[in-house]
């Protein structure tokens, strides 16, 4: 299965990158066919860092990312 990464964790590791650049890079990655960005379906798991790192695509906040490996 896919390994999901919380955008909040990724954001923490890339703290020196501006939020604007972070979101811009995620939107660019999302264009790739093997990159998935999805919302956290369990709303009780969404904490402040998740909301802060979330990228909005198609009017939906995405909180986690997976890259499908062939």
PDB file of N, CA and C in Angstrom:
ATOM      1  N   UNK A   1       0.823  -1.204   0.000  1.00  0.00           N
ATOM      2  CA  UNK A   1       0.000   0.000   0.000  1.00  0.00           C
ATOM      3  C   UNK A   1       0.856   1.253   0.000  1.00  0.00           C
ATOM      4  N   UNK A   2       0.204   2.353  -0.134  1.00  0.00           N
ATOM      5  CA  UNK A   2       0.914   3.630  -0.151  1.00  0.00           C
ATOM      6  C   UNK A   2       1.327   4.044   1.257  1.00  0.00           C
ATOM      7  N   UNK A   3       2.468   4.702   1.327  1.00  0.00           N
ATOM      8  CA  UNK A   3       2.936   5.256   2.588  1.00  0.00           C
ATOM      9  C   UNK A   3       2.481   6.709   2.642  1.00  0.00           C
ATOM     10  N   UNK A   4       1.581   7.011   3.549  1.00  0.00           N
ATOM     11  CA  UNK A   4       1.081   8.384   3.680  1.00  0.00           C
ATOM     12  C   UNK A   4       1.964   9.187   4.611  1.00  0.00           C
ATOM     13  N   UNK A   5       2.214  10.422   4.232  1.00  0.00           N
ATOM     14  CA  UNK A   5       3.010  11.345   5.039  1.00  0.00           C
ATOM     15  C   UNK A   5       2.120  12.534   5.372  1.00  0.00           C
ATOM     16  N   UNK A   6       2.087  12.897   6.645  1.00  0.00           N
ATOM     17  CA  UNK A   6       1.328  14.085   7.043  1.00  0.00           C
ATOM     18  C   UNK A   6       2.063  15.322   6.541  1.00  0.00           C
ATOM     19  N   UNK A   7       1.328  16.222   5.929  1.00  0.00           N
ATOM     20  CA  UNK A   7       1.954  17.459   5.452  1.00  0.00           C
ATOM     21  C   UNK A   7       2.528  18.250   6.624  1.00  0.00           C
ATOM     22  N   UNK A   8       1.919  18.125   7.805  1.00  0.00           N
ATOM     23  CA  UNK A   8       2.436  18.822   8.995  1.00  0.00           C
ATOM     24  C   UNK A   8       3.847  18.337   9.331  1.00  0.00           C
ATOM     25  N   UNK A   9       4.089  17.027   9.175  1.00  0.00           N
ATOM     26  CA  UNK A   9       5.426  16.481   9.444  1.00  0.00           C
ATOM     27  C   UNK A   9       6.429  16.971   8.399  1.00  0.00           C
ATOM     28  N   UNK A  10       5.982  16.984   7.157  1.00  0.00           N
ATOM     29  CA  UNK A  10       6.828  17.457   6.066  1.00  0.00           C
ATOM     30  C   UNK A  10       7.157  18.936   6.260  1.00  0.00           C
ATOM     31  N   UNK A  11       6.150  19.687   6.650  1.00  0.00           N
ATOM     32  CA  UNK A  11       6.305  21.130   6.889  1.00  0.00           C
ATOM     33  C   UNK A  11       7.338  21.387   7.979  1.00  0.00           C
ATOM     34  N   UNK A  12       7.292  20.562   9.027  1.00  0.00           N
ATOM     35  CA  UNK A  12       8.219  20.699  10.149  1.00  0.00           C
ATOM     36  C   UNK A  12       9.660  20.484   9.679  1.00  0.00           C
ATOM     37  N   UNK A  13       9.852  19.485   8.825  1.00  0.00           N
ATOM     38  CA  UNK A  13      11.195  19.186   8.312  1.00  0.00           C
ATOM     39  C   UNK A  13      11.691  20.256   7.342  1.00  0.00           C
ATOM     40  N   UNK A  14      10.747  20.973   6.726  1.00  0.00           N
ATOM     41  CA  UNK A  14      11.103  22.011   5.761  1.00  0.00           C
ATOM     42  C   UNK A  14      10.759  23.392   6.313  1.00  0.00           C
ATOM     43  N   UNK A  15      11.039  23.577   7.578  1.00  0.00           N
ATOM     44  CA  UNK A  15      10.668  24.809   8.278  1.00  0.00           C
ATOM     45  C   UNK A  15      11.282  26.065   7.659  1.00  0.00           C
ATOM     46  N   UNK A  16      12.420  25.903   6.982  1.00  0.00           N
ATOM     47  CA  UNK A  16      13.080  27.064   6.384  1.00  0.00           C
ATOM     48  C   UNK A  16      12.460  27.474   5.043  1.00  0.00           C
ATOM     49  N   UNK A  17      11.550  26.657   4.539  1.00  0.00           N
ATOM     50  CA  UNK A  17      10.857  26.969   3.280  1.00  0.00           C
ATOM     51  C   UNK A  17       9.604  27.774   3.619  1.00  0.00           C
ATOM     52  N   UNK A  18       9.352  28.836   2.859  1.00  0.00           N
ATOM     53  CA  UNK A  18       8.164  29.642   3.154  1.00  0.00           C
ATOM     54  C   UNK A  18       6.907  28.824   2.879  1.00  0.00           C
ATOM     55  N   UNK A  19       5.845  29.152   3.593  1.00  0.00           N
ATOM     56  CA  UNK A  19       4.580  28.436   3.433  1.00  0.00           C
ATOM     57  C   UNK A  19       4.090  28.543   1.985  1.00  0.00           C
ATOM     58  N   UNK A  20       4.290  29.694   1.399  1.00  0.00           N
ATOM     59  CA  UNK A  20       3.873  29.917   0.012  1.00  0.00           C
ATOM     60  C   UNK A  20       4.609  28.977  -0.945  1.00  0.00           C
ATOM     61  N   UNK A  21       5.939  28.873  -0.764  1.00  0.00           N
ATOM     62  CA  UNK A  21       6.743  27.983  -1.611  1.00  0.00           C
ATOM     63  C   UNK A  21       6.395  26.519  -1.362  1.00  0.00           C
ATOM     64  N   UNK A  22       6.134  26.193  -0.103  1.00  0.00           N
ATOM     65  CA  UNK A  22       5.753  24.826   0.278  1.00  0.00           C
ATOM     66  C   UNK A  22       4.477  24.419  -0.463  1.00  0.00           C
ATOM     67  N   UNK A  23       3.461  25.274  -0.399  1.00  0.00           N
ATOM     68  CA  UNK A  23       2.184  24.985  -1.055  1.00  0.00           C
ATOM     69  C   UNK A  23       2.332  24.974  -2.571  1.00  0.00           C
ATOM     70  N   UNK A  24       3.147  25.851  -3.081  1.00  0.00           N
ATOM     71  CA  UNK A  24       3.397  25.919  -4.514  1.00  0.00           C
ATOM     72  C   UNK A  24       4.039  24.611  -4.999  1.00  0.00           C
ATOM     73  N   UNK A  25       5.011  24.117  -4.243  1.00  0.00           N
ATOM     74  CA  UNK A  25       5.688  22.864  -4.593  1.00  0.00           C
ATOM     75  C   UNK A  25       4.724  21.684  -4.530  1.00  0.00           C
ATOM     76  N   UNK A  26       3.853  21.669  -3.524  1.00  0.00           N
ATOM     77  CA  UNK A  26       2.881  20.583  -3.400  1.00  0.00           C
ATOM     78  C   UNK A  26       1.915  20.573  -4.581  1.00  0.00           C
ATOM     79  N   UNK A  27       1.460  21.755  -4.983  1.00  0.00           N
ATOM     80  CA  UNK A  27       0.531  21.843  -6.116  1.00  0.00           C
ATOM     81  C   UNK A  27       1.206  21.386  -7.408  1.00  0.00           C
ATOM     82  N   UNK A  28       2.492  21.678  -7.519  1.00  0.00           N
ATOM     83  CA  UNK A  28       3.274  21.238  -8.681  1.00  0.00           C
ATOM     84  C   UNK A  28       3.400  19.712  -8.668  1.00  0.00           C
ATOM     85  N   UNK A  29       3.724  19.156  -7.500  1.00  0.00           N
ATOM     86  CA  UNK A  29       3.843  17.701  -7.354  1.00  0.00           C
ATOM     87  C   UNK A  29       2.529  16.992  -7.664  1.00  0.00           C
ATOM     88  N   UNK A  30       1.421  17.623  -7.279  1.00  0.00           N
ATOM     89  CA  UNK A  30       0.097  17.024  -7.439  1.00  0.00           C
ATOM     90  C   UNK A  30      -0.236  16.768  -8.907  1.00  0.00           C
ATOM     91  N   UNK A  31       0.445  17.480  -9.799  1.00  0.00           N
ATOM     92  CA  UNK A  31       0.219  17.287 -11.237  1.00  0.00           C
ATOM     93  C   UNK A  31       0.781  15.958 -11.729  1.00  0.00           C
ATOM     94  N   UNK A  32       1.719  15.413 -10.959  1.00  0.00           N
ATOM     95  CA  UNK A  32       2.308  14.127 -11.336  1.00  0.00           C
ATOM     96  C   UNK A  32       1.280  13.025 -11.093  1.00  0.00           C
ATOM     97  N   UNK A  33       1.184  12.062 -12.024  1.00  0.00           N
ATOM     98  CA  UNK A  33       0.150  11.030 -11.908  1.00  0.00           C
ATOM     99  C   UNK A  33       0.303  10.108 -10.705  1.00  0.00           C
ATOM    100  N   UNK A  34       1.526   9.974 -10.174  1.00  0.00           N
ATOM    101  CA  UNK A  34       1.722   9.051  -9.055  1.00  0.00           C
ATOM    102  C   UNK A  34       1.746   9.732  -7.685  1.00  0.00           C
ATOM    103  N   UNK A  35       1.432  11.016  -7.658  1.00  0.00           N
ATOM    104  CA  UNK A  35       1.402  11.749  -6.393  1.00  0.00           C
ATOM    105  C   UNK A  35      -0.046  11.962  -5.971  1.00  0.00           C
ATOM    106  N   UNK A  36      -0.347  11.591  -4.735  1.00  0.00           N
ATOM    107  CA  UNK A  36      -1.695  11.769  -4.208  1.00  0.00           C
ATOM    108  C   UNK A  36      -1.661  12.688  -2.995  1.00  0.00           C
ATOM    109  N   UNK A  37      -2.555  13.645  -2.986  1.00  0.00           N
ATOM    110  CA  UNK A  37      -2.741  14.537  -1.837  1.00  0.00           C
ATOM    111  C   UNK A  37      -4.191  14.390  -1.432  1.00  0.00           C
ATOM    112  N   UNK A  38      -4.427  14.022  -0.186  1.00  0.00           N
ATOM    113  CA  UNK A  38      -5.795  13.769   0.250  1.00  0.00           C
ATOM    114  C   UNK A  38      -6.076  14.395   1.610  1.00  0.00           C
ATOM    115  N   UNK A  39      -7.374  14.641   1.858  1.00  0.00           N
ATOM    116  CA  UNK A  39      -7.767  15.144   3.176  1.00  0.00           C
ATOM    117  C   UNK A  39      -7.640  14.035   4.213  1.00  0.00           C
ATOM    118  N   UNK A  40      -7.516  14.417   5.447  1.00  0.00           N
ATOM    119  CA  UNK A  40      -7.579  13.465   6.553  1.00  0.00           C
ATOM    120  C   UNK A  40      -9.061  13.192   6.798  1.00  0.00           C
ATOM    121  N   UNK A  41      -9.522  11.942   6.565  1.00  0.00           N
ATOM    122  CA  UNK A  41     -10.952  11.663   6.706  1.00  0.00           C
ATOM    123  C   UNK A  41     -11.455  11.704   8.153  1.00  0.00           C
ATOM    124  N   UNK A  42     -10.557  11.443   9.097  1.00  0.00           N
ATOM    125  CA  UNK A  42     -10.952  11.458  10.514  1.00  0.00           C
ATOM    126  C   UNK A  42     -10.710  12.838  11.099  1.00  0.00           C
ATOM    127  N   UNK A  43     -11.763  13.650  11.131  1.00  0.00           N
ATOM    128  CA  UNK A  43     -11.598  15.053  11.538  1.00  0.00           C
ATOM    129  C   UNK A  43     -11.015  15.212  12.937  1.00  0.00           C
ATOM    130  N   UNK A  44     -11.227  14.230  13.822  1.00  0.00           N
ATOM    131  CA  UNK A  44     -10.666  14.341  15.178  1.00  0.00           C
ATOM    132  C   UNK A  44      -9.147  14.236  15.175  1.00  0.00           C
ATOM    133  N   UNK A  45      -8.568  13.754  14.075  1.00  0.00           N
ATOM    134  CA  UNK A  45      -7.108  13.658  13.974  1.00  0.00           C
ATOM    135  C   UNK A  45      -6.475  14.953  13.473  1.00  0.00           C
ATOM    136  N   UNK A  46      -7.282  15.877  12.982  1.00  0.00           N
ATOM    137  CA  UNK A  46      -6.753  17.115  12.418  1.00  0.00           C
ATOM    138  C   UNK A  46      -6.445  18.104  13.541  1.00  0.00           C
ATOM    139  N   UNK A  47      -5.159  18.333  13.737  1.00  0.00           N
ATOM    140  CA  UNK A  47      -4.711  19.265  14.781  1.00  0.00           C
ATOM    141  C   UNK A  47      -4.288  20.582  14.116  1.00  0.00           C
ATOM    142  N   UNK A  48      -3.949  21.566  14.939  1.00  0.00           N
ATOM    143  CA  UNK A  48      -3.548  22.881  14.423  1.00  0.00           C
ATOM    144  C   UNK A  48      -2.416  22.794  13.387  1.00  0.00           C
ATOM    145  N   UNK A  49      -1.348  21.996  13.641  1.00  0.00           N
ATOM    146  CA  UNK A  49      -0.286  21.917  12.628  1.00  0.00           C
ATOM    147  C   UNK A  49      -0.785  21.350  11.292  1.00  0.00           C
ATOM    148  N   UNK A  50      -1.749  20.423  11.359  1.00  0.00           N
ATOM    149  CA  UNK A  50      -2.315  19.856  10.135  1.00  0.00           C
ATOM    150  C   UNK A  50      -3.081  20.915   9.351  1.00  0.00           C
ATOM    151  N   UNK A  51      -3.856  21.704  10.067  1.00  0.00           N
ATOM    152  CA  UNK A  51      -4.617  22.782   9.413  1.00  0.00           C
ATOM    153  C   UNK A  51      -3.673  23.814   8.807  1.00  0.00           C
ATOM    154  N   UNK A  52      -2.604  24.111   9.522  1.00  0.00           N
ATOM    155  CA  UNK A  52      -1.646  25.114   9.064  1.00  0.00           C
ATOM    156  C   UNK A  52      -0.887  24.652   7.817  1.00  0.00           C
ATOM    157  N   UNK A  53      -0.561  23.362   7.761  1.00  0.00           N
ATOM    158  CA  UNK A  53       0.226  22.827   6.641  1.00  0.00           C
ATOM    159  C   UNK A  53      -0.647  22.428   5.453  1.00  0.00           C
ATOM    160  N   UNK A  54      -1.952  22.304   5.677  1.00  0.00           N
ATOM    161  CA  UNK A  54      -2.849  21.832   4.622  1.00  0.00           C
ATOM    162  C   UNK A  54      -2.763  22.706   3.375  1.00  0.00           C
ATOM    163  N   UNK A  55      -2.838  22.054   2.223  1.00  0.00           N
ATOM    164  CA  UNK A  55      -2.859  22.771   0.953  1.00  0.00           C
ATOM    165  C   UNK A  55      -4.262  22.590   0.378  1.00  0.00           C
ATOM    166  N   UNK A  56      -4.839  23.677  -0.119  1.00  0.00           N
ATOM    167  CA  UNK A  56      -6.189  23.615  -0.663  1.00  0.00           C
ATOM    168  C   UNK A  56      -6.130  23.402  -2.165  1.00  0.00           C
ATOM    169  N   UNK A  57      -6.704  22.301  -2.607  1.00  0.00           N
ATOM    170  CA  UNK A  57      -6.760  21.975  -4.032  1.00  0.00           C
ATOM    171  C   UNK A  57      -8.195  21.591  -4.356  1.00  0.00           C
ATOM    172  N   UNK A  58      -8.735  22.231  -5.371  1.00  0.00           N
ATOM    173  CA  UNK A  58     -10.117  21.948  -5.749  1.00  0.00           C
ATOM    174  C   UNK A  58     -11.099  22.263  -4.640  1.00  0.00           C
ATOM    175  N   UNK A  59     -10.801  23.297  -3.861  1.00  0.00           N
ATOM    176  CA  UNK A  59     -11.685  23.708  -2.777  1.00  0.00           C
ATOM    177  C   UNK A  59     -11.670  22.783  -1.572  1.00  0.00           C
ATOM    178  N   UNK A  60     -10.708  21.873  -1.535  1.00  0.00           N
ATOM    179  CA  UNK A  60     -10.632  20.895  -0.459  1.00  0.00           C
ATOM    180  C   UNK A  60      -9.259  20.949   0.199  1.00  0.00           C
ATOM    181  N   UNK A  61      -9.242  20.978   1.542  1.00  0.00           N
ATOM    182  CA  UNK A  61      -7.973  20.970   2.267  1.00  0.00           C
ATOM    183  C   UNK A  61      -7.383  19.566   2.252  1.00  0.00           C
ATOM    184  N   UNK A  62      -6.158  19.465   1.790  1.00  0.00           N
ATOM    185  CA  UNK A  62      -5.464  18.169   1.746  1.00  0.00           C
ATOM    186  C   UNK A  62      -4.431  18.159   2.862  1.00  0.00           C
ATOM    187  N   UNK A  63      -4.410  17.080   3.652  1.00  0.00           N
ATOM    188  CA  UNK A  63      -3.558  17.014   4.840  1.00  0.00           C
ATOM    189  C   UNK A  63      -2.438  15.986   4.754  1.00  0.00           C
ATOM    190  N   UNK A  64      -2.489  15.123   3.739  1.00  0.00           N
ATOM    191  CA  UNK A  64      -1.480  14.069   3.660  1.00  0.00           C
ATOM    192  C   UNK A  64      -1.137  13.762   2.209  1.00  0.00           C
ATOM    193  N   UNK A  65       0.053  13.196   2.033  1.00  0.00           N
ATOM    194  CA  UNK A  65       0.555  12.933   0.684  1.00  0.00           C
ATOM    195  C   UNK A  65       1.112  11.517   0.602  1.00  0.00           C
ATOM    196  N   UNK A  66       0.915  10.907  -0.562  1.00  0.00           N
ATOM    197  CA  UNK A  66       1.540   9.612  -0.847  1.00  0.00           C
ATOM    198  C   UNK A  66       2.080   9.668  -2.266  1.00  0.00           C
ATOM    199  N   UNK A  67       3.219   9.013  -2.465  1.00  0.00           N
ATOM    200  CA  UNK A  67       3.785   8.879  -3.799  1.00  0.00           C
ATOM    201  C   UNK A  67       3.800   7.390  -4.113  1.00  0.00           C
ATOM    202  N   UNK A  68       3.065   7.013  -5.144  1.00  0.00           N
ATOM    203  CA  UNK A  68       2.984   5.606  -5.507  1.00  0.00           C
ATOM    204  C   UNK A  68       4.289   5.173  -6.156  1.00  0.00           C
ATOM    205  N   UNK A  69       4.857   4.114  -5.641  1.00  0.00           N
ATOM    206  CA  UNK A  69       6.088   3.578  -6.184  1.00  0.00           C
ATOM    207  C   UNK A  69       5.748   2.429  -7.139  1.00  0.00           C
ATOM    208  N   UNK A  70       6.389   2.406  -8.297  1.00  0.00           N
ATOM    209  CA  UNK A  70       6.080   1.337  -9.270  1.00  0.00           C
ATOM    210  C   UNK A  70       6.502  -0.047  -8.739  1.00  0.00           C
TER     211      UNK A  70
END
